[in-house]
Amino acid sequence: MSYTSVENFRAKNPKHKSKLCYGEDLQNEKATDEVSLKWLIKAYNNATDKSKVFNTANFTKHAGTNQLQKQIEAGLSEAQIKATWQKGLETSKNTRQKYLIYN
């Protein structure tokens, strides 16, 4: 999907104002209970200048570390990336269990 970026009530001066941009229309995407990386991976793979995809400190801040960035740059699939989360998720669940009042 392509569109031309214009100002609106949310973005008074968009970074790419009046430029042709590309994106995905997610209005009809079904909500799920888990994080989907497919749109991020697709955006990276389709970027003409991949050096600009993660060219902000905000991505690392929101991701927590630069590991996700490195995994996407290395070409790992969504399933491969999520597999690397399993050990940490299990540790977190076990730690959390100690603090639950009701099971």
C-alpha atoms as a PDB file:
ATOM      1  CA  MET A   1       0.000   0.000   0.000  1.00  0.00           C
ATOM      2  CA  SER A   2       1.285   3.477  -0.743  1.00  0.00           C
ATOM      3  CA  TYR A   3       0.140   6.859   0.518  1.00  0.00           C
ATOM      4  CA  THR A   4       1.330  10.448   0.683  1.00  0.00           C
ATOM      5  CA  SER A   5       2.075  11.660   4.183  1.00  0.00           C
ATOM      6  CA  VAL A   6       0.035  14.710   5.181  1.00  0.00           C
ATOM      7  CA  GLU A   7      -0.369  16.637   8.386  1.00  0.00           C
ATOM      8  CA  ASN A   8      -3.328  15.827  10.608  1.00  0.00           C
ATOM      9  CA  PHE A   9      -4.483  16.424  14.171  1.00  0.00           C
ATOM     10  CA  ARG A  10      -1.994  13.789  15.470  1.00  0.00           C
ATOM     11  CA  ALA A  11       0.986  14.889  13.378  1.00  0.00           C
ATOM     12  CA  LYS A  12       1.186  18.598  12.744  1.00  0.00           C
ATOM     13  CA  ASN A  13       4.513  18.341  10.914  1.00  0.00           C
ATOM     14  CA  PRO A  14       5.139  14.743   9.784  1.00  0.00           C
ATOM     15  CA  LYS A  15       8.726  13.758   9.051  1.00  0.00           C
ATOM     16  CA  HIS A  16       7.876  12.645   5.508  1.00  0.00           C
ATOM     17  CA  LYS A  17       5.264  15.296   4.739  1.00  0.00           C
ATOM     18  CA  SER A  18       4.165  15.304   1.069  1.00  0.00           C
ATOM     19  CA  LYS A  19       6.386  12.293   0.269  1.00  0.00           C
ATOM     20  CA  LEU A  20       5.237   8.967  -1.111  1.00  0.00           C
ATOM     21  CA  CYS A  21       5.341   6.398   1.693  1.00  0.00           C
ATOM     22  CA  TYR A  22       4.631   2.688   1.925  1.00  0.00           C
ATOM     23  CA  GLY A  23       2.972   0.784   4.717  1.00  0.00           C
ATOM     24  CA  GLU A  24       0.427  -1.814   5.696  1.00  0.00           C
ATOM     25  CA  ASP A  25      -3.265  -1.285   6.378  1.00  0.00           C
ATOM     26  CA  LEU A  26      -3.829  -3.149   9.633  1.00  0.00           C
ATOM     27  CA  GLN A  27      -7.430  -2.049  10.200  1.00  0.00           C
ATOM     28  CA  ASN A  28      -8.804  -5.489   9.362  1.00  0.00           C
ATOM     29  CA  GLU A  29      -6.099  -7.512  11.118  1.00  0.00           C
ATOM     30  CA  LYS A  30      -7.428  -9.772  13.815  1.00  0.00           C
ATOM     31  CA  ALA A  31      -6.097  -8.953  17.288  1.00  0.00           C
ATOM     32  CA  THR A  32      -4.135 -11.725  18.977  1.00  0.00           C
ATOM     33  CA  ASP A  33      -2.820 -12.365  22.468  1.00  0.00           C
ATOM     34  CA  GLU A  34       0.790 -12.486  21.370  1.00  0.00           C
ATOM     35  CA  VAL A  35       3.321 -10.134  19.861  1.00  0.00           C
ATOM     36  CA  SER A  36       3.630 -10.368  16.095  1.00  0.00           C
ATOM     37  CA  LEU A  37       6.950  -9.519  14.510  1.00  0.00           C
ATOM     38  CA  LYS A  38       5.838 -10.152  10.923  1.00  0.00           C
ATOM     39  CA  TRP A  39       5.211  -6.477  10.120  1.00  0.00           C
ATOM     40  CA  LEU A  40       8.555  -5.358  11.540  1.00  0.00           C
ATOM     41  CA  ILE A  41      10.444  -8.114   9.717  1.00  0.00           C
ATOM     42  CA  LYS A  42       8.585  -7.334   6.487  1.00  0.00           C
ATOM     43  CA  ALA A  43       9.342  -3.610   6.809  1.00  0.00           C
ATOM     44  CA  TYR A  44      13.029  -4.337   7.327  1.00  0.00           C
ATOM     45  CA  ASN A  45      13.184  -6.788   4.425  1.00  0.00           C
ATOM     46  CA  ASN A  46      11.428  -4.331   2.084  1.00  0.00           C
ATOM     47  CA  ALA A  47      13.431  -1.257   3.104  1.00  0.00           C
ATOM     48  CA  THR A  48      15.545   0.225   0.350  1.00  0.00           C
ATOM     49  CA  ASP A  49      17.985   1.623   2.930  1.00  0.00           C
ATOM     50  CA  LYS A  50      18.134  -0.899   5.757  1.00  0.00           C
ATOM     51  CA  SER A  51      20.518   1.310   7.743  1.00  0.00           C
ATOM     52  CA  LYS A  52      17.618   3.698   8.425  1.00  0.00           C
ATOM     53  CA  VAL A  53      15.175   1.114   9.801  1.00  0.00           C
ATOM     54  CA  PHE A  54      16.698   0.986  13.278  1.00  0.00           C
ATOM     55  CA  ASN A  55      18.393   4.397  13.081  1.00  0.00           C
ATOM     56  CA  THR A  56      16.880   5.602  16.344  1.00  0.00           C
ATOM     57  CA  ALA A  57      17.547   5.052  20.028  1.00  0.00           C
ATOM     58  CA  ASN A  58      13.807   4.632  20.558  1.00  0.00           C
ATOM     59  CA  PHE A  59      13.705   1.170  18.990  1.00  0.00           C
ATOM     60  CA  THR A  60      16.263  -0.212  21.433  1.00  0.00           C
ATOM     61  CA  LYS A  61      14.542   1.586  24.313  1.00  0.00           C
ATOM     62  CA  HIS A  62      11.192  -0.036  23.509  1.00  0.00           C
ATOM     63  CA  ALA A  63      12.678  -3.451  22.723  1.00  0.00           C
ATOM     64  CA  GLY A  64      14.761  -3.400  25.916  1.00  0.00           C
ATOM     65  CA  THR A  65      18.042  -4.361  24.235  1.00  0.00           C
ATOM     66  CA  ASN A  66      19.516  -4.355  20.737  1.00  0.00           C
ATOM     67  CA  GLN A  67      19.128  -8.150  20.488  1.00  0.00           C
ATOM     68  CA  LEU A  68      15.881  -7.990  18.473  1.00  0.00           C
ATOM     69  CA  GLN A  69      17.474  -5.588  16.003  1.00  0.00           C
ATOM     70  CA  LYS A  70      20.479  -7.875  15.557  1.00  0.00           C
ATOM     71  CA  GLN A  71      18.220 -10.913  15.076  1.00  0.00           C
ATOM     72  CA  ILE A  72      16.168  -9.201  12.369  1.00  0.00           C
ATOM     73  CA  GLU A  73      19.302  -7.928  10.641  1.00  0.00           C
ATOM     74  CA  ALA A  74      20.700 -11.486  10.727  1.00  0.00           C
ATOM     75  CA  GLY A  75      17.593 -12.755   8.923  1.00  0.00           C
ATOM     76  CA  LEU A  76      16.064 -14.808  11.730  1.00  0.00           C
ATOM     77  CA  SER A  77      12.413 -15.735  11.281  1.00  0.00           C
ATOM     78  CA  GLU A  78       9.697 -14.753  13.733  1.00  0.00           C
ATOM     79  CA  ALA A  79       9.644 -18.322  15.098  1.00  0.00           C
ATOM     80  CA  GLN A  80      13.421 -18.347  15.572  1.00  0.00           C
ATOM     81  CA  ILE A  81      13.348 -15.010  17.393  1.00  0.00           C
ATOM     82  CA  LYS A  82      10.505 -16.084  19.681  1.00  0.00           C
ATOM     83  CA  ALA A  83      12.351 -19.316  20.472  1.00  0.00           C
ATOM     84  CA  THR A  84      15.171 -17.224  21.960  1.00  0.00           C
ATOM     85  CA  TRP A  85      12.650 -15.698  24.397  1.00  0.00           C
ATOM     86  CA  GLN A  86      11.579 -19.020  25.926  1.00  0.00           C
ATOM     87  CA  LYS A  87      14.236 -19.348  28.628  1.00  0.00           C
ATOM     88  CA  GLY A  88      13.559 -15.836  29.923  1.00  0.00           C
ATOM     89  CA  LEU A  89       9.791 -16.377  29.813  1.00  0.00           C
ATOM     90  CA  GLU A  90      10.092 -19.591  31.825  1.00  0.00           C
ATOM     91  CA  THR A  91      12.321 -17.895  34.395  1.00  0.00           C
ATOM     92  CA  SER A  92       9.832 -15.043  34.680  1.00  0.00           C
ATOM     93  CA  LYS A  93       6.885 -17.448  35.110  1.00  0.00           C
ATOM     94  CA  ASN A  94       8.713 -19.347  37.842  1.00  0.00           C
ATOM     95  CA  THR A  95       9.622 -16.155  39.674  1.00  0.00           C
ATOM     96  CA  ARG A  96       6.072 -14.838  39.322  1.00  0.00           C
ATOM     97  CA  GLN A  97       4.620 -18.055  40.738  1.00  0.00           C
ATOM     98  CA  LYS A  98       6.201 -17.348  44.133  1.00  0.00           C
ATOM     99  CA  TYR A  99       4.250 -14.090  44.444  1.00  0.00           C
ATOM    100  CA  LEU A 100       0.794 -15.289  43.384  1.00  0.00           C
ATOM    101  CA  ILE A 101      -1.746 -15.378  46.196  1.00  0.00           C
ATOM    102  CA  TYR A 102      -4.205 -17.560  44.283  1.00  0.00           C
ATOM    103  CA  ASN A 103      -3.319 -20.170  41.688  1.00  0.00           C
END
